[in-house]
Amino acid sequence: MTDLVFRATVERIDNAPLGIRGAFLDWIVHTRVLEIIAGTFAGDTFAFRVHSPARAGLAVGTTCTVTARWTGSGYTVDENRWRGAPEVT
């Protein structure tokens, strides 16, 4: 597997269930994949966890470019990537 870069629209943001909370990543951002820019991904949706959607500038209906780094057992997304970034629309 390799890193993944794609354009997506935020469809919903949920609280992480208590059993899977940890590392202060208590929100799950669910996105609809619009376009794969780099890497390979066969799904239509991609979800990732963040500490604060508001701090990251993510809200339902926004479109953004997501960079997901392969960790060997899954992907991780840096929520600070969007702070102050003009690409979130």
PDB file of N, CA and C in Angstrom:
ATOM      1  N   MET A   1       0.840  -1.183   0.000  1.00  0.00           N
ATOM      2  CA  MET A   1       0.000   0.000   0.000  1.00  0.00           C
ATOM      3  C   MET A   1       0.885   1.246   0.000  1.00  0.00           C
ATOM      4  N   THR A   2       0.311   2.326  -0.484  1.00  0.00           N
ATOM      5  CA  THR A   2       1.018   3.597  -0.509  1.00  0.00           C
ATOM      6  C   THR A   2       0.114   4.693   0.037  1.00  0.00           C
ATOM      7  N   ASP A   3       0.682   5.875   0.170  1.00  0.00           N
ATOM      8  CA  ASP A   3      -0.115   7.015   0.600  1.00  0.00           C
ATOM      9  C   ASP A   3      -1.201   7.291  -0.426  1.00  0.00           C
ATOM     10  N   LEU A   4      -2.226   7.999   0.021  1.00  0.00           N
ATOM     11  CA  LEU A   4      -3.394   8.263  -0.791  1.00  0.00           C
ATOM     12  C   LEU A   4      -3.706   9.752  -0.725  1.00  0.00           C
ATOM     13  N   VAL A   5      -3.965  10.354  -1.867  1.00  0.00           N
ATOM     14  CA  VAL A   5      -4.381  11.758  -1.923  1.00  0.00           C
ATOM     15  C   VAL A   5      -5.647  11.801  -2.768  1.00  0.00           C
ATOM     16  N   PHE A   6      -6.689  12.446  -2.224  1.00  0.00           N
ATOM     17  CA  PHE A   6      -7.942  12.509  -2.957  1.00  0.00           C
ATOM     18  C   PHE A   6      -8.725  13.759  -2.580  1.00  0.00           C
ATOM     19  N   ARG A   7      -9.618  14.164  -3.483  1.00  0.00           N
ATOM     20  CA  ARG A   7     -10.560  15.251  -3.216  1.00  0.00           C
ATOM     21  C   ARG A   7     -11.832  14.605  -2.689  1.00  0.00           C
ATOM     22  N   ALA A   8     -12.428  15.235  -1.673  1.00  0.00           N
ATOM     23  CA  ALA A   8     -13.616  14.655  -1.065  1.00  0.00           C
ATOM     24  C   ALA A   8     -14.524  15.743  -0.517  1.00  0.00           C
ATOM     25  N   THR A   9     -15.791  15.394  -0.360  1.00  0.00           N
ATOM     26  CA  THR A   9     -16.766  16.259   0.283  1.00  0.00           C
ATOM     27  C   THR A   9     -17.124  15.643   1.628  1.00  0.00           C
ATOM     28  N   VAL A  10     -17.119  16.460   2.667  1.00  0.00           N
ATOM     29  CA  VAL A  10     -17.489  15.991   3.999  1.00  0.00           C
ATOM     30  C   VAL A  10     -19.002  15.773   4.016  1.00  0.00           C
ATOM     31  N   GLU A  11     -19.410  14.529   4.271  1.00  0.00           N
ATOM     32  CA  GLU A  11     -20.836  14.197   4.292  1.00  0.00           C
ATOM     33  C   GLU A  11     -21.436  14.253   5.689  1.00  0.00           C
ATOM     34  N   ARG A  12     -20.672  13.829   6.688  1.00  0.00           N
ATOM     35  CA  ARG A  12     -21.156  13.927   8.068  1.00  0.00           C
ATOM     36  C   ARG A  12     -19.976  13.837   9.023  1.00  0.00           C
ATOM     37  N   ILE A  13     -20.219  14.309  10.235  1.00  0.00           N
ATOM     38  CA  ILE A  13     -19.211  14.266  11.291  1.00  0.00           C
ATOM     39  C   ILE A  13     -19.900  13.711  12.528  1.00  0.00           C
ATOM     40  N   ASP A  14     -19.355  12.623  13.062  1.00  0.00           N
ATOM     41  CA  ASP A  14     -19.950  11.951  14.216  1.00  0.00           C
ATOM     42  C   ASP A  14     -18.971  11.918  15.387  1.00  0.00           C
ATOM     43  N   ASN A  15     -19.542  11.860  16.607  1.00  0.00           N
ATOM     44  CA  ASN A  15     -18.716  11.573  17.772  1.00  0.00           C
ATOM     45  C   ASN A  15     -18.256  10.125  17.680  1.00  0.00           C
ATOM     46  N   ALA A  16     -17.002   9.874  18.003  1.00  0.00           N
ATOM     47  CA  ALA A  16     -16.527   8.493  18.048  1.00  0.00           C
ATOM     48  C   ALA A  16     -17.183   7.794  19.234  1.00  0.00           C
ATOM     49  N   PRO A  17     -17.603   6.542  19.065  1.00  0.00           N
ATOM     50  CA  PRO A  17     -18.162   5.810  20.210  1.00  0.00           C
ATOM     51  C   PRO A  17     -17.132   5.732  21.340  1.00  0.00           C
ATOM     52  N   LEU A  18     -17.611   5.725  22.568  1.00  0.00           N
ATOM     53  CA  LEU A  18     -16.712   5.723  23.718  1.00  0.00           C
ATOM     54  C   LEU A  18     -15.686   4.608  23.663  1.00  0.00           C
ATOM     55  N   GLY A  19     -16.062   3.440  23.179  1.00  0.00           N
ATOM     56  CA  GLY A  19     -15.142   2.307  23.140  1.00  0.00           C
ATOM     57  C   GLY A  19     -13.965   2.469  22.202  1.00  0.00           C
ATOM     58  N   ILE A  20     -14.063   3.370  21.211  1.00  0.00           N
ATOM     59  CA  ILE A  20     -12.948   3.530  20.282  1.00  0.00           C
ATOM     60  C   ILE A  20     -12.289   4.902  20.395  1.00  0.00           C
ATOM     61  N   ARG A  21     -12.619   5.638  21.429  1.00  0.00           N
ATOM     62  CA  ARG A  21     -11.962   6.932  21.623  1.00  0.00           C
ATOM     63  C   ARG A  21     -10.547   6.705  22.119  1.00  0.00           C
ATOM     64  N   GLY A  22      -9.708   7.636  21.833  1.00  0.00           N
ATOM     65  CA  GLY A  22      -8.331   7.548  22.287  1.00  0.00           C
ATOM     66  C   GLY A  22      -7.475   8.527  21.536  1.00  0.00           C
ATOM     67  N   ALA A  23      -6.384   8.885  22.121  1.00  0.00           N
ATOM     68  CA  ALA A  23      -5.440   9.826  21.520  1.00  0.00           C
ATOM     69  C   ALA A  23      -6.135  11.127  21.139  1.00  0.00           C
ATOM     70  N   PHE A  24      -7.220  11.438  21.844  1.00  0.00           N
ATOM     71  CA  PHE A  24      -7.960  12.685  21.646  1.00  0.00           C
ATOM     72  C   PHE A  24      -8.563  12.824  20.253  1.00  0.00           C
ATOM     73  N   LEU A  25      -8.704  11.728  19.542  1.00  0.00           N
ATOM     74  CA  LEU A  25      -9.310  11.753  18.206  1.00  0.00           C
ATOM     75  C   LEU A  25     -10.765  11.320  18.341  1.00  0.00           C
ATOM     76  N   ASP A  26     -11.588  12.208  18.894  1.00  0.00           N
ATOM     77  CA  ASP A  26     -12.934  11.849  19.307  1.00  0.00           C
ATOM     78  C   ASP A  26     -14.020  12.132  18.274  1.00  0.00           C
ATOM     79  N   TRP A  27     -13.652  12.538  17.076  1.00  0.00           N
ATOM     80  CA  TRP A  27     -14.627  12.807  16.018  1.00  0.00           C
ATOM     81  C   TRP A  27     -14.275  11.990  14.787  1.00  0.00           C
ATOM     82  N   ILE A  28     -15.291  11.501  14.101  1.00  0.00           N
ATOM     83  CA  ILE A  28     -15.090  10.760  12.860  1.00  0.00           C
ATOM     84  C   ILE A  28     -15.671  11.589  11.722  1.00  0.00           C
ATOM     85  N   VAL A  29     -14.825  11.905  10.748  1.00  0.00           N
ATOM     86  CA  VAL A  29     -15.224  12.684   9.572  1.00  0.00           C
ATOM     87  C   VAL A  29     -15.475  11.697   8.439  1.00  0.00           C
ATOM     88  N   HIS A  30     -16.702  11.670   7.943  1.00  0.00           N
ATOM     89  CA  HIS A  30     -17.083  10.769   6.848  1.00  0.00           C
ATOM     90  C   HIS A  30     -17.114  11.582   5.557  1.00  0.00           C
ATOM     91  N   THR A  31     -16.368  11.118   4.561  1.00  0.00           N
ATOM     92  CA  THR A  31     -16.288  11.859   3.303  1.00  0.00           C
ATOM     93  C   THR A  31     -16.751  11.006   2.129  1.00  0.00           C
ATOM     94  N   ARG A  32     -17.162  11.690   1.071  1.00  0.00           N
ATOM     95  CA  ARG A  32     -17.465  11.053  -0.214  1.00  0.00           C
ATOM     96  C   ARG A  32     -16.300  11.377  -1.137  1.00  0.00           C
ATOM     97  N   VAL A  33     -15.647  10.353  -1.643  1.00  0.00           N
ATOM     98  CA  VAL A  33     -14.475  10.526  -2.512  1.00  0.00           C
ATOM     99  C   VAL A  33     -14.941  11.013  -3.881  1.00  0.00           C
ATOM    100  N   LEU A  34     -14.391  12.140  -4.310  1.00  0.00           N
ATOM    101  CA  LEU A  34     -14.739  12.722  -5.603  1.00  0.00           C
ATOM    102  C   LEU A  34     -13.732  12.360  -6.685  1.00  0.00           C
ATOM    103  N   GLU A  35     -12.446  12.358  -6.304  1.00  0.00           N
ATOM    104  CA  GLU A  35     -11.381  12.156  -7.292  1.00  0.00           C
ATOM    105  C   GLU A  35     -10.133  11.655  -6.585  1.00  0.00           C
ATOM    106  N   ILE A  36      -9.525  10.609  -7.112  1.00  0.00           N
ATOM    107  CA  ILE A  36      -8.245  10.116  -6.601  1.00  0.00           C
ATOM    108  C   ILE A  36      -7.142  10.885  -7.317  1.00  0.00           C
ATOM    109  N   ILE A  37      -6.274  11.524  -6.554  1.00  0.00           N
ATOM    110  CA  ILE A  37      -5.171  12.297  -7.119  1.00  0.00           C
ATOM    111  C   ILE A  37      -3.899  11.452  -7.156  1.00  0.00           C
ATOM    112  N   ALA A  38      -3.657  10.684  -6.087  1.00  0.00           N
ATOM    113  CA  ALA A  38      -2.476   9.814  -6.026  1.00  0.00           C
ATOM    114  C   ALA A  38      -2.827   8.584  -5.204  1.00  0.00           C
ATOM    115  N   GLY A  39      -2.250   7.456  -5.577  1.00  0.00           N
ATOM    116  CA  GLY A  39      -2.520   6.213  -4.878  1.00  0.00           C
ATOM    117  C   GLY A  39      -3.682   5.465  -5.508  1.00  0.00           C
ATOM    118  N   THR A  40      -4.089   4.406  -4.842  1.00  0.00           N
ATOM    119  CA  THR A  40      -5.176   3.569  -5.328  1.00  0.00           C
ATOM    120  C   THR A  40      -6.187   3.378  -4.213  1.00  0.00           C
ATOM    121  N   PHE A  41      -7.439   3.614  -4.546  1.00  0.00           N
ATOM    122  CA  PHE A  41      -8.522   3.436  -3.577  1.00  0.00           C
ATOM    123  C   PHE A  41      -9.776   3.080  -4.361  1.00  0.00           C
ATOM    124  N   ALA A  42     -10.426   1.985  -3.985  1.00  0.00           N
ATOM    125  CA  ALA A  42     -11.585   1.506  -4.745  1.00  0.00           C
ATOM    126  C   ALA A  42     -12.920   1.945  -4.148  1.00  0.00           C
ATOM    127  N   GLY A  43     -12.905   2.521  -2.953  1.00  0.00           N
ATOM    128  CA  GLY A  43     -14.158   2.866  -2.300  1.00  0.00           C
ATOM    129  C   GLY A  43     -14.729   4.203  -2.740  1.00  0.00           C
ATOM    130  N   ASP A  44     -15.982   4.434  -2.364  1.00  0.00           N
ATOM    131  CA  ASP A  44     -16.649   5.710  -2.629  1.00  0.00           C
ATOM    132  C   ASP A  44     -16.560   6.643  -1.434  1.00  0.00           C
ATOM    133  N   THR A  45     -16.334   6.064  -0.250  1.00  0.00           N
ATOM    134  CA  THR A  45     -16.290   6.847   0.981  1.00  0.00           C
ATOM    135  C   THR A  45     -14.999   6.575   1.727  1.00  0.00           C
ATOM    136  N   PHE A  46     -14.611   7.534   2.558  1.00  0.00           N
ATOM    137  CA  PHE A  46     -13.406   7.406   3.373  1.00  0.00           C
ATOM    138  C   PHE A  46     -13.683   8.150   4.669  1.00  0.00           C
ATOM    139  N   ALA A  47     -13.418   7.520   5.792  1.00  0.00           N
ATOM    140  CA  ALA A  47     -13.622   8.146   7.094  1.00  0.00           C
ATOM    141  C   ALA A  47     -12.295   8.216   7.833  1.00  0.00           C
ATOM    142  N   PHE A  48     -12.128   9.288   8.594  1.00  0.00           N
ATOM    143  CA  PHE A  48     -10.925   9.433   9.398  1.00  0.00           C
ATOM    144  C   PHE A  48     -11.264  10.166  10.680  1.00  0.00           C
ATOM    145  N   ARG A  49     -10.399  10.022  11.673  1.00  0.00           N
ATOM    146  CA  ARG A  49     -10.643  10.609  12.982  1.00  0.00           C
ATOM    147  C   ARG A  49      -9.822  11.879  13.174  1.00  0.00           C
ATOM    148  N   VAL A  50     -10.425  12.831  13.860  1.00  0.00           N
ATOM    149  CA  VAL A  50      -9.736  14.087  14.191  1.00  0.00           C
ATOM    150  C   VAL A  50     -10.072  14.472  15.621  1.00  0.00           C
ATOM    151  N   HIS A  51      -9.258  15.328  16.188  1.00  0.00           N
ATOM    152  CA  HIS A  51      -9.514  15.855  17.530  1.00  0.00           C
ATOM    153  C   HIS A  51     -10.632  16.878  17.494  1.00  0.00           C
ATOM    154  N   SER A  52     -10.579  17.770  16.516  1.00  0.00           N
ATOM    155  CA  SER A  52     -11.563  18.842  16.447  1.00  0.00           C
ATOM    156  C   SER A  52     -11.856  19.211  14.999  1.00  0.00           C
ATOM    157  N   PRO A  53     -13.023  18.846  14.493  1.00  0.00           N
ATOM    158  CA  PRO A  53     -13.365  19.235  13.125  1.00  0.00           C
ATOM    159  C   PRO A  53     -13.351  20.753  12.945  1.00  0.00           C
ATOM    160  N   ALA A  54     -13.830  21.483  13.934  1.00  0.00           N
ATOM    161  CA  ALA A  54     -13.864  22.944  13.833  1.00  0.00           C
ATOM    162  C   ALA A  54     -12.454  23.516  13.745  1.00  0.00           C
ATOM    163  N   ARG A  55     -11.558  23.020  14.565  1.00  0.00           N
ATOM    164  CA  ARG A  55     -10.169  23.494  14.531  1.00  0.00           C
ATOM    165  C   ARG A  55      -9.509  23.157  13.196  1.00  0.00           C
ATOM    166  N   ALA A  56      -9.891  22.012  12.633  1.00  0.00           N
ATOM    167  CA  ALA A  56      -9.333  21.603  11.346  1.00  0.00           C
ATOM    168  C   ALA A  56      -9.984  22.355  10.192  1.00  0.00           C
ATOM    169  N   GLY A  57     -11.081  23.056  10.464  1.00  0.00           N
ATOM    170  CA  GLY A  57     -11.772  23.788   9.411  1.00  0.00           C
ATOM    171  C   GLY A  57     -12.688  22.915   8.574  1.00  0.00           C
ATOM    172  N   LEU A  58     -13.034  21.742   9.094  1.00  0.00           N
ATOM    173  CA  LEU A  58     -13.888  20.805   8.360  1.00  0.00           C
ATOM    174  C   LEU A  58     -15.320  20.916   8.847  1.00  0.00           C
ATOM    175  N   ALA A  59     -16.253  20.989   7.913  1.00  0.00           N
ATOM    176  CA  ALA A  59     -17.670  21.048   8.225  1.00  0.00           C
ATOM    177  C   ALA A  59     -18.424  20.300   7.134  1.00  0.00           C
ATOM    178  N   VAL A  60     -19.607  19.845   7.463  1.00  0.00           N
ATOM    179  CA  VAL A  60     -20.437  19.142   6.494  1.00  0.00           C
ATOM    180  C   VAL A  60     -20.655  20.039   5.280  1.00  0.00           C
ATOM    181  N   GLY A  61     -20.445  19.464   4.103  1.00  0.00           N
ATOM    182  CA  GLY A  61     -20.620  20.200   2.853  1.00  0.00           C
ATOM    183  C   GLY A  61     -19.337  20.784   2.291  1.00  0.00           C
ATOM    184  N   THR A  62     -18.275  20.845   3.095  1.00  0.00           N
ATOM    185  CA  THR A  62     -17.019  21.381   2.574  1.00  0.00           C
ATOM    186  C   THR A  62     -16.328  20.341   1.702  1.00  0.00           C
ATOM    187  N   THR A  63     -15.542  20.810   0.765  1.00  0.00           N
ATOM    188  CA  THR A  63     -14.745  19.953  -0.099  1.00  0.00           C
ATOM    189  C   THR A  63     -13.285  20.239   0.202  1.00  0.00           C
ATOM    190  N   CYS A  64     -12.482  19.183   0.281  1.00  0.00           N
ATOM    191  CA  CYS A  64     -11.077  19.362   0.623  1.00  0.00           C
ATOM    192  C   CYS A  64     -10.235  18.278  -0.039  1.00  0.00           C
ATOM    193  N   THR A  65      -8.939  18.502  -0.043  1.00  0.00           N
ATOM    194  CA  THR A  65      -7.990  17.493  -0.493  1.00  0.00           C
ATOM    195  C   THR A  65      -7.468  16.786   0.745  1.00  0.00           C
ATOM    196  N   VAL A  66      -7.592  15.466   0.768  1.00  0.00           N
ATOM    197  CA  VAL A  66      -7.168  14.664   1.910  1.00  0.00           C
ATOM    198  C   VAL A  66      -5.903  13.909   1.536  1.00  0.00           C
ATOM    199  N   THR A  67      -4.895  13.998   2.394  1.00  0.00           N
ATOM    200  CA  THR A  67      -3.685  13.194   2.256  1.00  0.00           C
ATOM    201  C   THR A  67      -3.710  12.172   3.379  1.00  0.00           C
ATOM    202  N   ALA A  68      -3.800  10.912   3.020  1.00  0.00           N
ATOM    203  CA  ALA A  68      -3.841   9.829   3.993  1.00  0.00           C
ATOM    204  C   ALA A  68      -2.534   9.045   3.884  1.00  0.00           C
ATOM    205  N   ARG A  69      -1.798   9.018   4.979  1.00  0.00           N
ATOM    206  CA  ARG A  69      -0.500   8.333   5.012  1.00  0.00           C
ATOM    207  C   ARG A  69      -0.691   6.877   5.432  1.00  0.00           C
ATOM    208  N   TRP A  70      -0.106   5.980   4.658  1.00  0.00           N
ATOM    209  CA  TRP A  70      -0.177   4.556   4.975  1.00  0.00           C
ATOM    210  C   TRP A  70       0.756   4.267   6.148  1.00  0.00           C
ATOM    211  N   THR A  71       0.238   3.578   7.183  1.00  0.00           N
ATOM    212  CA  THR A  71       1.027   3.286   8.387  1.00  0.00           C
ATOM    213  C   THR A  71       1.486   1.845   8.451  1.00  0.00           C
ATOM    214  N   GLY A  72       1.073   1.031   7.495  1.00  0.00           N
ATOM    215  CA  GLY A  72       1.388  -0.389   7.535  1.00  0.00           C
ATOM    216  C   GLY A  72       0.179  -1.217   7.933  1.00  0.00           C
ATOM    217  N   SER A  73      -0.738  -0.587   8.684  1.00  0.00           N
ATOM    218  CA  SER A  73      -1.949  -1.305   9.087  1.00  0.00           C
ATOM    219  C   SER A  73      -3.220  -0.498   8.796  1.00  0.00           C
ATOM    220  N   GLY A  74      -3.055   0.656   8.193  1.00  0.00           N
ATOM    221  CA  GLY A  74      -4.184   1.520   7.867  1.00  0.00           C
ATOM    222  C   GLY A  74      -3.672   2.904   7.516  1.00  0.00           C
ATOM    223  N   TYR A  75      -4.576   3.843   7.401  1.00  0.00           N
ATOM    224  CA  TYR A  75      -4.206   5.207   7.041  1.00  0.00           C
ATOM    225  C   TYR A  75      -4.344   6.140   8.231  1.00  0.00           C
ATOM    226  N   THR A  76      -3.554   7.200   8.233  1.00  0.00           N
ATOM    227  CA  THR A  76      -3.694   8.269   9.201  1.00  0.00           C
ATOM    228  C   THR A  76      -3.764   9.590   8.448  1.00  0.00           C
ATOM    229  N   VAL A  77      -4.563  10.516   8.964  1.00  0.00           N
ATOM    230  CA  VAL A  77      -4.756  11.817   8.330  1.00  0.00           C
ATOM    231  C   VAL A  77      -4.369  12.886   9.336  1.00  0.00           C
ATOM    232  N   ASP A  78      -3.531  13.836   8.926  1.00  0.00           N
ATOM    233  CA  ASP A  78      -3.116  14.946   9.787  1.00  0.00           C
ATOM    234  C   ASP A  78      -4.182  16.028   9.753  1.00  0.00           C
ATOM    235  N   GLU A  79      -4.926  16.173  10.852  1.00  0.00           N
ATOM    236  CA  GLU A  79      -6.013  17.149  10.895  1.00  0.00           C
ATOM    237  C   GLU A  79      -5.516  18.591  10.821  1.00  0.00           C
ATOM    238  N   ASN A  80      -4.266  18.827  11.137  1.00  0.00           N
ATOM    239  CA  ASN A  80      -3.733  20.187  11.100  1.00  0.00           C
ATOM    240  C   ASN A  80      -3.449  20.654   9.679  1.00  0.00           C
ATOM    241  N   ARG A  81      -3.566  19.765   8.732  1.00  0.00           N
ATOM    242  CA  ARG A  81      -3.301  20.072   7.327  1.00  0.00           C
ATOM    243  C   ARG A  81      -4.178  21.221   6.821  1.00  0.00           C
ATOM    244  N   TRP A  82      -5.425  21.310   7.325  1.00  0.00           N
ATOM    245  CA  TRP A  82      -6.362  22.287   6.798  1.00  0.00           C
ATOM    246  C   TRP A  82      -6.394  23.590   7.572  1.00  0.00           C
ATOM    247  N   ARG A  83      -5.708  23.676   8.669  1.00  0.00           N
ATOM    248  CA  ARG A  83      -5.777  24.895   9.481  1.00  0.00           C
ATOM    249  C   ARG A  83      -5.305  26.090   8.673  1.00  0.00           C
ATOM    250  N   GLY A  84      -6.219  26.964   8.367  1.00  0.00           N
ATOM    251  CA  GLY A  84      -5.889  28.175   7.612  1.00  0.00           C
ATOM    252  C   GLY A  84      -5.667  27.947   6.134  1.00  0.00           C
ATOM    253  N   ALA A  85      -5.904  26.724   5.668  1.00  0.00           N
ATOM    254  CA  ALA A  85      -5.648  26.402   4.260  1.00  0.00           C
ATOM    255  C   ALA A  85      -6.809  26.901   3.389  1.00  0.00           C
ATOM    256  N   PRO A  86      -6.511  27.519   2.273  1.00  0.00           N
ATOM    257  CA  PRO A  86      -7.569  28.023   1.404  1.00  0.00           C
ATOM    258  C   PRO A  86      -8.281  26.923   0.622  1.00  0.00           C
ATOM    259  N   GLU A  87      -7.800  25.680   0.653  1.00  0.00           N
ATOM    260  CA  GLU A  87      -8.372  24.638  -0.190  1.00  0.00           C
ATOM    261  C   GLU A  87      -9.686  24.075   0.344  1.00  0.00           C
ATOM    262  N   VAL A  88     -10.010  24.314   1.598  1.00  0.00           N
ATOM    263  CA  VAL A  88     -11.284  23.834   2.130  1.00  0.00           C
ATOM    264  C   VAL A  88     -12.365  24.782   1.652  1.00  0.00           C
ATOM    265  N   THR A  89     -13.307  24.265   0.870  1.00  0.00           N
ATOM    266  CA  THR A  89     -14.363  25.109   0.315  1.00  0.00           C
ATOM    267  C   THR A  89     -15.729  24.591   0.669  1.00  0.00           C
TER     268      THR A  89
END
